[in-house]
């Protein structure tokens, strides 16, 4: 997925610095999945309770990054919490749309899909 994000960035003419930032965000965007019990995935299908739990992982990732990274990396937490937001506002966790979503989050969301 990170490679796809970098290829999109290349197509958009991103600088090396911006591509590296995007790459870092893409690599850590799903860290919060570690907080999701493995049994959910073993079931094969998700019920509404499972989906609600899964939708919390961007917040878990954001919290972990804020807790364990330098203050200079706060931009990273903002991006990963937005990765499942969608241009039309149908994403989660905040229902953000359009320009409210960081450009890196949009690219990671496309690559992750």
PDB file of N, CA and C in Angstrom:
ATOM      1  N   UNK A   1       0.814  -1.174   0.000  1.00  0.00           N
ATOM      2  CA  UNK A   1       0.000   0.000   0.000  1.00  0.00           C
ATOM      3  C   UNK A   1       0.872   1.257   0.000  1.00  0.00           C
ATOM      4  N   UNK A   2       1.960   1.229   0.743  1.00  0.00           N
ATOM      5  CA  UNK A   2       2.864   2.379   0.772  1.00  0.00           C
ATOM      6  C   UNK A   2       3.467   2.640  -0.604  1.00  0.00           C
ATOM      7  N   UNK A   3       3.784   1.581  -1.318  1.00  0.00           N
ATOM      8  CA  UNK A   3       4.327   1.731  -2.680  1.00  0.00           C
ATOM      9  C   UNK A   3       3.300   2.402  -3.585  1.00  0.00           C
ATOM     10  N   UNK A   4       2.030   1.993  -3.480  1.00  0.00           N
ATOM     11  CA  UNK A   4       0.977   2.629  -4.272  1.00  0.00           C
ATOM     12  C   UNK A   4       0.884   4.120  -3.943  1.00  0.00           C
ATOM     13  N   UNK A   5       0.939   4.458  -2.649  1.00  0.00           N
ATOM     14  CA  UNK A   5       0.882   5.857  -2.231  1.00  0.00           C
ATOM     15  C   UNK A   5       2.052   6.646  -2.830  1.00  0.00           C
ATOM     16  N   UNK A   6       3.228   6.050  -2.816  1.00  0.00           N
ATOM     17  CA  UNK A   6       4.397   6.728  -3.379  1.00  0.00           C
ATOM     18  C   UNK A   6       4.285   6.903  -4.895  1.00  0.00           C
ATOM     19  N   UNK A   7       3.708   5.929  -5.555  1.00  0.00           N
ATOM     20  CA  UNK A   7       3.511   6.040  -7.011  1.00  0.00           C
ATOM     21  C   UNK A   7       2.511   7.152  -7.327  1.00  0.00           C
ATOM     22  N   UNK A   8       1.476   7.278  -6.508  1.00  0.00           N
ATOM     23  CA  UNK A   8       0.522   8.374  -6.694  1.00  0.00           C
ATOM     24  C   UNK A   8       1.236   9.710  -6.489  1.00  0.00           C
ATOM     25  N   UNK A   9       2.040   9.794  -5.435  1.00  0.00           N
ATOM     26  CA  UNK A   9       2.790  11.020  -5.156  1.00  0.00           C
ATOM     27  C   UNK A   9       3.717  11.362  -6.317  1.00  0.00           C
ATOM     28  N   UNK A  10       4.357  10.347  -6.885  1.00  0.00           N
ATOM     29  CA  UNK A  10       5.239  10.558  -8.027  1.00  0.00           C
ATOM     30  C   UNK A  10       4.450  11.142  -9.201  1.00  0.00           C
ATOM     31  N   UNK A  11       3.274  10.573  -9.442  1.00  0.00           N
ATOM     32  CA  UNK A  11       2.424  11.068 -10.524  1.00  0.00           C
ATOM     33  C   UNK A  11       1.954  12.501 -10.302  1.00  0.00           C
ATOM     34  N   UNK A  12       1.827  12.884  -9.041  1.00  0.00           N
ATOM     35  CA  UNK A  12       1.407  14.242  -8.700  1.00  0.00           C
ATOM     36  C   UNK A  12       2.582  15.217  -8.653  1.00  0.00           C
ATOM     37  N   UNK A  13       3.800  14.695  -8.859  1.00  0.00           N
ATOM     38  CA  UNK A  13       4.973  15.552  -8.878  1.00  0.00           C
ATOM     39  C   UNK A  13       5.460  15.982  -7.498  1.00  0.00           C
ATOM     40  N   UNK A  14       5.198  15.168  -6.482  1.00  0.00           N
ATOM     41  CA  UNK A  14       5.640  15.490  -5.119  1.00  0.00           C
ATOM     42  C   UNK A  14       7.158  15.556  -5.042  1.00  0.00           C
ATOM     43  N   UNK A  15       7.640  16.438  -4.185  1.00  0.00           N
ATOM     44  CA  UNK A  15       9.071  16.530  -3.931  1.00  0.00           C
ATOM     45  C   UNK A  15       9.505  15.309  -3.126  1.00  0.00           C
ATOM     46  N   UNK A  16      10.806  15.119  -3.049  1.00  0.00           N
ATOM     47  CA  UNK A  16      11.351  14.015  -2.245  1.00  0.00           C
ATOM     48  C   UNK A  16      10.914  14.154  -0.787  1.00  0.00           C
ATOM     49  N   UNK A  17      10.981  15.358  -0.249  1.00  0.00           N
ATOM     50  CA  UNK A  17      10.600  15.589   1.151  1.00  0.00           C
ATOM     51  C   UNK A  17       9.131  15.226   1.403  1.00  0.00           C
ATOM     52  N   UNK A  18       8.255  15.666   0.530  1.00  0.00           N
ATOM     53  CA  UNK A  18       6.833  15.348   0.691  1.00  0.00           C
ATOM     54  C   UNK A  18       6.572  13.856   0.500  1.00  0.00           C
ATOM     55  N   UNK A  19       7.291  13.240  -0.409  1.00  0.00           N
ATOM     56  CA  UNK A  19       7.141  11.795  -0.622  1.00  0.00           C
ATOM     57  C   UNK A  19       7.576  11.012   0.620  1.00  0.00           C
ATOM     58  N   UNK A  20       8.630  11.453   1.272  1.00  0.00           N
ATOM     59  CA  UNK A  20       9.091  10.788   2.493  1.00  0.00           C
ATOM     60  C   UNK A  20       8.051  10.946   3.598  1.00  0.00           C
ATOM     61  N   UNK A  21       7.504  12.149   3.759  1.00  0.00           N
ATOM     62  CA  UNK A  21       6.454  12.362   4.759  1.00  0.00           C
ATOM     63  C   UNK A  21       5.256  11.447   4.497  1.00  0.00           C
ATOM     64  N   UNK A  22       4.840  11.393   3.247  1.00  0.00           N
ATOM     65  CA  UNK A  22       3.726  10.533   2.867  1.00  0.00           C
ATOM     66  C   UNK A  22       4.035   9.073   3.177  1.00  0.00           C
ATOM     67  N   UNK A  23       5.240   8.648   2.859  1.00  0.00           N
ATOM     68  CA  UNK A  23       5.667   7.273   3.099  1.00  0.00           C
ATOM     69  C   UNK A  23       5.604   6.935   4.589  1.00  0.00           C
ATOM     70  N   UNK A  24       6.088   7.814   5.431  1.00  0.00           N
ATOM     71  CA  UNK A  24       6.051   7.582   6.877  1.00  0.00           C
ATOM     72  C   UNK A  24       4.604   7.445   7.340  1.00  0.00           C
ATOM     73  N   UNK A  25       3.742   8.338   6.901  1.00  0.00           N
ATOM     74  CA  UNK A  25       2.327   8.273   7.290  1.00  0.00           C
ATOM     75  C   UNK A  25       1.684   6.974   6.796  1.00  0.00           C
ATOM     76  N   UNK A  26       1.997   6.578   5.586  1.00  0.00           N
ATOM     77  CA  UNK A  26       1.428   5.352   5.028  1.00  0.00           C
ATOM     78  C   UNK A  26       1.893   4.117   5.802  1.00  0.00           C
ATOM     79  N   UNK A  27       3.144   4.129   6.217  1.00  0.00           N
ATOM     80  CA  UNK A  27       3.683   2.979   6.952  1.00  0.00           C
ATOM     81  C   UNK A  27       3.034   2.787   8.317  1.00  0.00           C
ATOM     82  N   UNK A  28       2.626   3.870   8.956  1.00  0.00           N
ATOM     83  CA  UNK A  28       2.088   3.751  10.317  1.00  0.00           C
ATOM     84  C   UNK A  28       0.573   3.915  10.401  1.00  0.00           C
ATOM     85  N   UNK A  29      -0.093   4.133   9.279  1.00  0.00           N
ATOM     86  CA  UNK A  29      -1.510   4.507   9.318  1.00  0.00           C
ATOM     87  C   UNK A  29      -2.421   3.488   9.997  1.00  0.00           C
ATOM     88  N   UNK A  30      -2.067   2.236  10.018  1.00  0.00           N
ATOM     89  CA  UNK A  30      -2.926   1.205  10.617  1.00  0.00           C
ATOM     90  C   UNK A  30      -2.387   0.639  11.928  1.00  0.00           C
ATOM     91  N   UNK A  31      -1.485   1.342  12.581  1.00  0.00           N
ATOM     92  CA  UNK A  31      -0.958   0.871  13.863  1.00  0.00           C
ATOM     93  C   UNK A  31      -2.071   0.561  14.867  1.00  0.00           C
ATOM     94  N   UNK A  32      -3.132   1.328  14.835  1.00  0.00           N
ATOM     95  CA  UNK A  32      -4.247   1.137  15.765  1.00  0.00           C
ATOM     96  C   UNK A  32      -4.958  -0.190  15.611  1.00  0.00           C
ATOM     97  N   UNK A  33      -4.728  -0.873  14.493  1.00  0.00           N
ATOM     98  CA  UNK A  33      -5.327  -2.200  14.305  1.00  0.00           C
ATOM     99  C   UNK A  33      -4.775  -3.193  15.327  1.00  0.00           C
ATOM    100  N   UNK A  34      -3.621  -2.892  15.906  1.00  0.00           N
ATOM    101  CA  UNK A  34      -3.060  -3.765  16.932  1.00  0.00           C
ATOM    102  C   UNK A  34      -3.931  -3.806  18.183  1.00  0.00           C
ATOM    103  N   UNK A  35      -4.781  -2.807  18.354  1.00  0.00           N
ATOM    104  CA  UNK A  35      -5.691  -2.765  19.500  1.00  0.00           C
ATOM    105  C   UNK A  35      -6.997  -3.522  19.256  1.00  0.00           C
ATOM    106  N   UNK A  36      -7.174  -4.016  18.046  1.00  0.00           N
ATOM    107  CA  UNK A  36      -8.401  -4.748  17.701  1.00  0.00           C
ATOM    108  C   UNK A  36      -8.164  -6.230  17.989  1.00  0.00           C
ATOM    109  N   UNK A  37      -9.056  -6.868  18.759  1.00  0.00           N
ATOM    110  CA  UNK A  37      -8.870  -8.294  19.066  1.00  0.00           C
ATOM    111  C   UNK A  37      -8.821  -9.157  17.795  1.00  0.00           C
ATOM    112  N   UNK A  38      -7.854 -10.031  17.730  1.00  0.00           N
ATOM    113  CA  UNK A  38      -7.671 -10.881  16.551  1.00  0.00           C
ATOM    114  C   UNK A  38      -8.902 -11.746  16.257  1.00  0.00           C
ATOM    115  N   UNK A  39      -9.648 -12.111  17.278  1.00  0.00           N
ATOM    116  CA  UNK A  39     -10.814 -12.969  17.110  1.00  0.00           C
ATOM    117  C   UNK A  39     -11.827 -12.376  16.127  1.00  0.00           C
ATOM    118  N   UNK A  40     -11.882 -11.067  16.047  1.00  0.00           N
ATOM    119  CA  UNK A  40     -12.808 -10.426  15.106  1.00  0.00           C
ATOM    120  C   UNK A  40     -12.493 -10.865  13.677  1.00  0.00           C
ATOM    121  N   UNK A  41     -11.225 -10.931  13.343  1.00  0.00           N
ATOM    122  CA  UNK A  41     -10.824 -11.280  11.982  1.00  0.00           C
ATOM    123  C   UNK A  41     -11.001 -12.770  11.703  1.00  0.00           C
ATOM    124  N   UNK A  42     -10.892 -13.578  12.727  1.00  0.00           N
ATOM    125  CA  UNK A  42     -11.025 -15.030  12.566  1.00  0.00           C
ATOM    126  C   UNK A  42     -12.464 -15.437  12.278  1.00  0.00           C
ATOM    127  N   UNK A  43     -13.432 -14.580  12.608  1.00  0.00           N
ATOM    128  CA  UNK A  43     -14.847 -14.901  12.409  1.00  0.00           C
ATOM    129  C   UNK A  43     -15.223 -14.996  10.942  1.00  0.00           C
ATOM    130  N   UNK A  44     -14.561 -14.222  10.112  1.00  0.00           N
ATOM    131  CA  UNK A  44     -14.857 -14.251   8.683  1.00  0.00           C
ATOM    132  C   UNK A  44     -15.843 -13.186   8.245  1.00  0.00           C
ATOM    133  N   UNK A  45     -16.842 -12.899   9.052  1.00  0.00           N
ATOM    134  CA  UNK A  45     -17.797 -11.831   8.741  1.00  0.00           C
ATOM    135  C   UNK A  45     -17.904 -10.904   9.948  1.00  0.00           C
ATOM    136  N   UNK A  46     -18.221  -9.663   9.677  1.00  0.00           N
ATOM    137  CA  UNK A  46     -18.311  -8.668  10.739  1.00  0.00           C
ATOM    138  C   UNK A  46     -19.768  -8.317  11.015  1.00  0.00           C
ATOM    139  N   UNK A  47     -20.130  -8.258  12.295  1.00  0.00           N
ATOM    140  CA  UNK A  47     -21.445  -7.737  12.651  1.00  0.00           C
ATOM    141  C   UNK A  47     -21.289  -6.243  12.943  1.00  0.00           C
ATOM    142  N   UNK A  48     -22.377  -5.573  13.272  1.00  0.00           N
ATOM    143  CA  UNK A  48     -22.333  -4.121  13.497  1.00  0.00           C
ATOM    144  C   UNK A  48     -21.412  -3.738  14.651  1.00  0.00           C
ATOM    145  N   UNK A  49     -21.365  -4.566  15.681  1.00  0.00           N
ATOM    146  CA  UNK A  49     -20.485  -4.314  16.822  1.00  0.00           C
ATOM    147  C   UNK A  49     -19.013  -4.383  16.388  1.00  0.00           C
ATOM    148  N   UNK A  50     -18.685  -5.368  15.548  1.00  0.00           N
ATOM    149  CA  UNK A  50     -17.318  -5.511  15.035  1.00  0.00           C
ATOM    150  C   UNK A  50     -16.926  -4.299  14.194  1.00  0.00           C
ATOM    151  N   UNK A  51     -17.841  -3.870  13.343  1.00  0.00           N
ATOM    152  CA  UNK A  51     -17.563  -2.725  12.475  1.00  0.00           C
ATOM    153  C   UNK A  51     -17.325  -1.467  13.310  1.00  0.00           C
ATOM    154  N   UNK A  52     -18.141  -1.286  14.334  1.00  0.00           N
ATOM    155  CA  UNK A  52     -17.956  -0.131  15.226  1.00  0.00           C
ATOM    156  C   UNK A  52     -16.582  -0.171  15.885  1.00  0.00           C
ATOM    157  N   UNK A  53     -16.150  -1.350  16.297  1.00  0.00           N
ATOM    158  CA  UNK A  53     -14.839  -1.507  16.913  1.00  0.00           C
ATOM    159  C   UNK A  53     -13.721  -1.235  15.903  1.00  0.00           C
ATOM    160  N   UNK A  54     -13.856  -1.761  14.703  1.00  0.00           N
ATOM    161  CA  UNK A  54     -12.857  -1.544  13.655  1.00  0.00           C
ATOM    162  C   UNK A  54     -12.719  -0.062  13.315  1.00  0.00           C
ATOM    163  N   UNK A  55     -13.814   0.651  13.331  1.00  0.00           N
ATOM    164  CA  UNK A  55     -13.790   2.070  12.984  1.00  0.00           C
ATOM    165  C   UNK A  55     -13.087   2.927  14.030  1.00  0.00           C
ATOM    166  N   UNK A  56     -12.732   2.330  15.147  1.00  0.00           N
ATOM    167  CA  UNK A  56     -12.002   3.061  16.179  1.00  0.00           C
ATOM    168  C   UNK A  56     -10.491   3.037  15.945  1.00  0.00           C
ATOM    169  N   UNK A  57     -10.020   2.188  15.027  1.00  0.00           N
ATOM    170  CA  UNK A  57      -8.573   2.050  14.874  1.00  0.00           C
ATOM    171  C   UNK A  57      -7.849   3.322  14.430  1.00  0.00           C
ATOM    172  N   UNK A  58      -8.439   4.210  13.615  1.00  0.00           N
ATOM    173  CA  UNK A  58      -7.704   5.447  13.311  1.00  0.00           C
ATOM    174  C   UNK A  58      -7.443   6.286  14.568  1.00  0.00           C
ATOM    175  N   UNK A  59      -8.402   6.316  15.464  1.00  0.00           N
ATOM    176  CA  UNK A  59      -8.216   7.034  16.722  1.00  0.00           C
ATOM    177  C   UNK A  59      -7.150   6.403  17.586  1.00  0.00           C
ATOM    178  N   UNK A  60      -7.121   5.051  17.595  1.00  0.00           N
ATOM    179  CA  UNK A  60      -6.072   4.350  18.351  1.00  0.00           C
ATOM    180  C   UNK A  60      -4.692   4.677  17.787  1.00  0.00           C
ATOM    181  N   UNK A  61      -4.589   4.724  16.456  1.00  0.00           N
ATOM    182  CA  UNK A  61      -3.315   5.056  15.817  1.00  0.00           C
ATOM    183  C   UNK A  61      -2.898   6.473  16.182  1.00  0.00           C
ATOM    184  N   UNK A  62      -3.830   7.392  16.085  1.00  0.00           N
ATOM    185  CA  UNK A  62      -3.568   8.795  16.406  1.00  0.00           C
ATOM    186  C   UNK A  62      -3.092   8.931  17.854  1.00  0.00           C
ATOM    187  N   UNK A  63      -3.795   8.284  18.772  1.00  0.00           N
ATOM    188  CA  UNK A  63      -3.430   8.353  20.192  1.00  0.00           C
ATOM    189  C   UNK A  63      -2.029   7.794  20.439  1.00  0.00           C
ATOM    190  N   UNK A  64      -1.725   6.664  19.809  1.00  0.00           N
ATOM    191  CA  UNK A  64      -0.405   6.046  19.990  1.00  0.00           C
ATOM    192  C   UNK A  64       0.703   6.957  19.475  1.00  0.00           C
ATOM    193  N   UNK A  65       0.473   7.571  18.337  1.00  0.00           N
ATOM    194  CA  UNK A  65       1.490   8.460  17.779  1.00  0.00           C
ATOM    195  C   UNK A  65       1.689   9.691  18.650  1.00  0.00           C
ATOM    196  N   UNK A  66       0.603  10.233  19.163  1.00  0.00           N
ATOM    197  CA  UNK A  66       0.718  11.405  20.037  1.00  0.00           C
ATOM    198  C   UNK A  66       1.437  11.052  21.338  1.00  0.00           C
ATOM    199  N   UNK A  67       1.215   9.833  21.807  1.00  0.00           N
ATOM    200  CA  UNK A  67       1.821   9.403  23.066  1.00  0.00           C
ATOM    201  C   UNK A  67       3.302   9.063  22.917  1.00  0.00           C
ATOM    202  N   UNK A  68       3.667   8.473  21.785  1.00  0.00           N
ATOM    203  CA  UNK A  68       5.017   7.913  21.653  1.00  0.00           C
ATOM    204  C   UNK A  68       5.934   8.633  20.675  1.00  0.00           C
ATOM    205  N   UNK A  69       5.487   9.703  20.060  1.00  0.00           N
ATOM    206  CA  UNK A  69       6.370  10.379  19.113  1.00  0.00           C
ATOM    207  C   UNK A  69       6.657  11.802  19.574  1.00  0.00           C
ATOM    208  N   UNK A  70       7.645  12.378  18.962  1.00  0.00           N
ATOM    209  CA  UNK A  70       8.038  13.743  19.302  1.00  0.00           C
ATOM    210  C   UNK A  70       6.928  14.718  18.928  1.00  0.00           C
ATOM    211  N   UNK A  71       6.877  15.821  19.628  1.00  0.00           N
ATOM    212  CA  UNK A  71       5.861  16.836  19.361  1.00  0.00           C
ATOM    213  C   UNK A  71       5.925  17.317  17.912  1.00  0.00           C
ATOM    214  N   UNK A  72       7.099  17.263  17.334  1.00  0.00           N
ATOM    215  CA  UNK A  72       7.256  17.698  15.944  1.00  0.00           C
ATOM    216  C   UNK A  72       6.564  16.770  14.952  1.00  0.00           C
ATOM    217  N   UNK A  73       6.097  15.635  15.429  1.00  0.00           N
ATOM    218  CA  UNK A  73       5.412  14.678  14.559  1.00  0.00           C
ATOM    219  C   UNK A  73       3.891  14.737  14.709  1.00  0.00           C
ATOM    220  N   UNK A  74       3.349  15.795  15.311  1.00  0.00           N
ATOM    221  CA  UNK A  74       1.897  15.867  15.494  1.00  0.00           C
ATOM    222  C   UNK A  74       1.165  15.867  14.159  1.00  0.00           C
ATOM    223  N   UNK A  75       1.808  16.338  13.093  1.00  0.00           N
ATOM    224  CA  UNK A  75       1.209  16.313  11.758  1.00  0.00           C
ATOM    225  C   UNK A  75       0.875  14.883  11.349  1.00  0.00           C
ATOM    226  N   UNK A  76       1.681  13.936  11.797  1.00  0.00           N
ATOM    227  CA  UNK A  76       1.499  12.539  11.446  1.00  0.00           C
ATOM    228  C   UNK A  76       0.201  11.989  12.037  1.00  0.00           C
ATOM    229  N   UNK A  77      -0.057  12.309  13.287  1.00  0.00           N
ATOM    230  CA  UNK A  77      -1.292  11.859  13.941  1.00  0.00           C
ATOM    231  C   UNK A  77      -2.518  12.430  13.242  1.00  0.00           C
ATOM    232  N   UNK A  78      -2.441  13.679  12.812  1.00  0.00           N
ATOM    233  CA  UNK A  78      -3.563  14.301  12.109  1.00  0.00           C
ATOM    234  C   UNK A  78      -3.871  13.591  10.794  1.00  0.00           C
ATOM    235  N   UNK A  79      -2.847  13.133  10.129  1.00  0.00           N
ATOM    236  CA  UNK A  79      -3.039  12.449   8.843  1.00  0.00           C
ATOM    237  C   UNK A  79      -3.642  11.061   9.033  1.00  0.00           C
ATOM    238  N   UNK A  80      -3.075  10.276   9.944  1.00  0.00           N
ATOM    239  CA  UNK A  80      -3.530   8.883  10.073  1.00  0.00           C
ATOM    240  C   UNK A  80      -4.961   8.794  10.583  1.00  0.00           C
ATOM    241  N   UNK A  81      -5.400   9.758  11.369  1.00  0.00           N
ATOM    242  CA  UNK A  81      -6.784   9.707  11.858  1.00  0.00           C
ATOM    243  C   UNK A  81      -7.773  10.034  10.724  1.00  0.00           C
ATOM    244  N   UNK A  82      -7.283  10.624   9.641  1.00  0.00           N
ATOM    245  CA  UNK A  82      -8.155  11.004   8.524  1.00  0.00           C
ATOM    246  C   UNK A  82      -8.135  10.014   7.361  1.00  0.00           C
ATOM    247  N   UNK A  83      -7.377   8.965   7.449  1.00  0.00           N
ATOM    248  CA  UNK A  83      -7.175   8.065   6.300  1.00  0.00           C
ATOM    249  C   UNK A  83      -8.458   7.435   5.779  1.00  0.00           C
ATOM    250  N   UNK A  84      -9.449   7.247   6.623  1.00  0.00           N
ATOM    251  CA  UNK A  84     -10.712   6.649   6.172  1.00  0.00           C
ATOM    252  C   UNK A  84     -11.797   7.682   5.896  1.00  0.00           C
ATOM    253  N   UNK A  85     -11.430   8.959   5.920  1.00  0.00           N
ATOM    254  CA  UNK A  85     -12.371  10.007   5.525  1.00  0.00           C
ATOM    255  C   UNK A  85     -12.489   9.978   4.002  1.00  0.00           C
ATOM    256  N   UNK A  86     -13.619  10.412   3.496  1.00  0.00           N
ATOM    257  CA  UNK A  86     -13.840  10.390   2.053  1.00  0.00           C
ATOM    258  C   UNK A  86     -14.267  11.755   1.542  1.00  0.00           C
ATOM    259  N   UNK A  87     -13.925  12.035   0.326  1.00  0.00           N
ATOM    260  CA  UNK A  87     -14.152  13.335  -0.304  1.00  0.00           C
ATOM    261  C   UNK A  87     -15.591  13.822  -0.124  1.00  0.00           C
ATOM    262  N   UNK A  88     -16.539  12.906  -0.182  1.00  0.00           N
ATOM    263  CA  UNK A  88     -17.959  13.287  -0.099  1.00  0.00           C
ATOM    264  C   UNK A  88     -18.508  13.314   1.331  1.00  0.00           C
ATOM    265  N   UNK A  89     -17.644  13.091   2.324  1.00  0.00           N
ATOM    266  CA  UNK A  89     -18.074  13.156   3.715  1.00  0.00           C
ATOM    267  C   UNK A  89     -18.629  11.859   4.286  1.00  0.00           C
ATOM    268  N   UNK A  90     -18.561  10.778   3.532  1.00  0.00           N
ATOM    269  CA  UNK A  90     -19.131   9.501   3.985  1.00  0.00           C
ATOM    270  C   UNK A  90     -18.153   8.649   4.789  1.00  0.00           C
ATOM    271  N   UNK A  91     -16.944   9.124   4.982  1.00  0.00           N
ATOM    272  CA  UNK A  91     -15.943   8.340   5.711  1.00  0.00           C
ATOM    273  C   UNK A  91     -16.058   8.478   7.214  1.00  0.00           C
ATOM    274  N   UNK A  92     -15.042   7.995   7.891  1.00  0.00           N
ATOM    275  CA  UNK A  92     -15.007   8.040   9.352  1.00  0.00           C
ATOM    276  C   UNK A  92     -13.579   8.306   9.812  1.00  0.00           C
ATOM    277  N   UNK A  93     -13.353   8.749  11.008  1.00  0.00           N
ATOM    278  CA  UNK A  93     -14.262   8.879  12.146  1.00  0.00           C
ATOM    279  C   UNK A  93     -14.994  10.212  12.218  1.00  0.00           C
ATOM    280  N   UNK A  94     -14.554  11.238  11.467  1.00  0.00           N
ATOM    281  CA  UNK A  94     -15.132  12.566  11.654  1.00  0.00           C
ATOM    282  C   UNK A  94     -16.123  13.023  10.605  1.00  0.00           C
ATOM    283  N   UNK A  95     -16.326  12.232   9.545  1.00  0.00           N
ATOM    284  CA  UNK A  95     -17.222  12.659   8.478  1.00  0.00           C
ATOM    285  C   UNK A  95     -16.713  13.892   7.741  1.00  0.00           C
ATOM    286  N   UNK A  96     -15.375  14.036   7.689  1.00  0.00           N
ATOM    287  CA  UNK A  96     -14.775  15.167   6.996  1.00  0.00           C
ATOM    288  C   UNK A  96     -14.985  15.028   5.494  1.00  0.00           C
ATOM    289  N   UNK A  97     -14.893  16.151   4.792  1.00  0.00           N
ATOM    290  CA  UNK A  97     -15.030  16.100   3.335  1.00  0.00           C
ATOM    291  C   UNK A  97     -14.110  17.118   2.684  1.00  0.00           C
ATOM    292  N   UNK A  98     -13.876  16.911   1.410  1.00  0.00           N
ATOM    293  CA  UNK A  98     -13.125  17.853   0.596  1.00  0.00           C
ATOM    294  C   UNK A  98     -11.824  18.337   1.204  1.00  0.00           C
ATOM    295  N   UNK A  99     -11.698  19.656   1.287  1.00  0.00           N
ATOM    296  CA  UNK A  99     -10.461  20.273   1.750  1.00  0.00           C
ATOM    297  C   UNK A  99     -10.220  20.105   3.240  1.00  0.00           C
ATOM    298  N   UNK A 100     -11.184  19.578   3.979  1.00  0.00           N
ATOM    299  CA  UNK A 100     -10.974  19.303   5.402  1.00  0.00           C
ATOM    300  C   UNK A 100     -10.016  18.128   5.605  1.00  0.00           C
ATOM    301  N   UNK A 101      -9.859  17.311   4.575  1.00  0.00           N
ATOM    302  CA  UNK A 101      -9.027  16.109   4.652  1.00  0.00           C
ATOM    303  C   UNK A 101      -7.628  16.433   4.133  1.00  0.00           C
ATOM    304  N   UNK A 102      -6.617  16.059   4.914  1.00  0.00           N
ATOM    305  CA  UNK A 102      -5.229  16.297   4.507  1.00  0.00           C
ATOM    306  C   UNK A 102      -4.945  15.563   3.195  1.00  0.00           C
ATOM    307  N   UNK A 103      -4.160  16.189   2.334  1.00  0.00           N
ATOM    308  CA  UNK A 103      -3.871  15.590   1.025  1.00  0.00           C
ATOM    309  C   UNK A 103      -3.179  14.230   1.152  1.00  0.00           C
ATOM    310  N   UNK A 104      -2.320  14.060   2.161  1.00  0.00           N
ATOM    311  CA  UNK A 104      -1.673  12.766   2.354  1.00  0.00           C
ATOM    312  C   UNK A 104      -2.701  11.714   2.761  1.00  0.00           C
ATOM    313  N   UNK A 105      -3.646  12.091   3.611  1.00  0.00           N
ATOM    314  CA  UNK A 105      -4.688  11.151   4.037  1.00  0.00           C
ATOM    315  C   UNK A 105      -5.516  10.691   2.847  1.00  0.00           C
ATOM    316  N   UNK A 106      -5.778  11.598   1.939  1.00  0.00           N
ATOM    317  CA  UNK A 106      -6.536  11.238   0.730  1.00  0.00           C
ATOM    318  C   UNK A 106      -5.757  10.203  -0.099  1.00  0.00           C
ATOM    319  N   UNK A 107      -4.478  10.450  -0.273  1.00  0.00           N
ATOM    320  CA  UNK A 107      -3.652   9.527  -1.070  1.00  0.00           C
ATOM    321  C   UNK A 107      -3.576   8.163  -0.388  1.00  0.00           C
ATOM    322  N   UNK A 108      -3.364   8.147   0.914  1.00  0.00           N
ATOM    323  CA  UNK A 108      -3.288   6.874   1.646  1.00  0.00           C
ATOM    324  C   UNK A 108      -4.617   6.143   1.559  1.00  0.00           C
ATOM    325  N   UNK A 109      -5.706   6.879   1.664  1.00  0.00           N
ATOM    326  CA  UNK A 109      -7.031   6.270   1.544  1.00  0.00           C
ATOM    327  C   UNK A 109      -7.259   5.617   0.199  1.00  0.00           C
ATOM    328  N   UNK A 110      -6.833   6.285  -0.853  1.00  0.00           N
ATOM    329  CA  UNK A 110      -6.966   5.716  -2.199  1.00  0.00           C
ATOM    330  C   UNK A 110      -6.083   4.478  -2.331  1.00  0.00           C
ATOM    331  N   UNK A 111      -4.844   4.589  -1.905  1.00  0.00           N
ATOM    332  CA  UNK A 111      -3.915   3.454  -2.014  1.00  0.00           C
ATOM    333  C   UNK A 111      -4.374   2.271  -1.182  1.00  0.00           C
ATOM    334  N   UNK A 112      -4.949   2.534  -0.021  1.00  0.00           N
ATOM    335  CA  UNK A 112      -5.397   1.476   0.885  1.00  0.00           C
ATOM    336  C   UNK A 112      -6.636   0.761   0.342  1.00  0.00           C
ATOM    337  N   UNK A 113      -7.423   1.478  -0.433  1.00  0.00           N
ATOM    338  CA  UNK A 113      -8.628   0.884  -1.017  1.00  0.00           C
ATOM    339  C   UNK A 113      -8.264  -0.083  -2.108  1.00  0.00           C
TER     340      UNK A 113
END
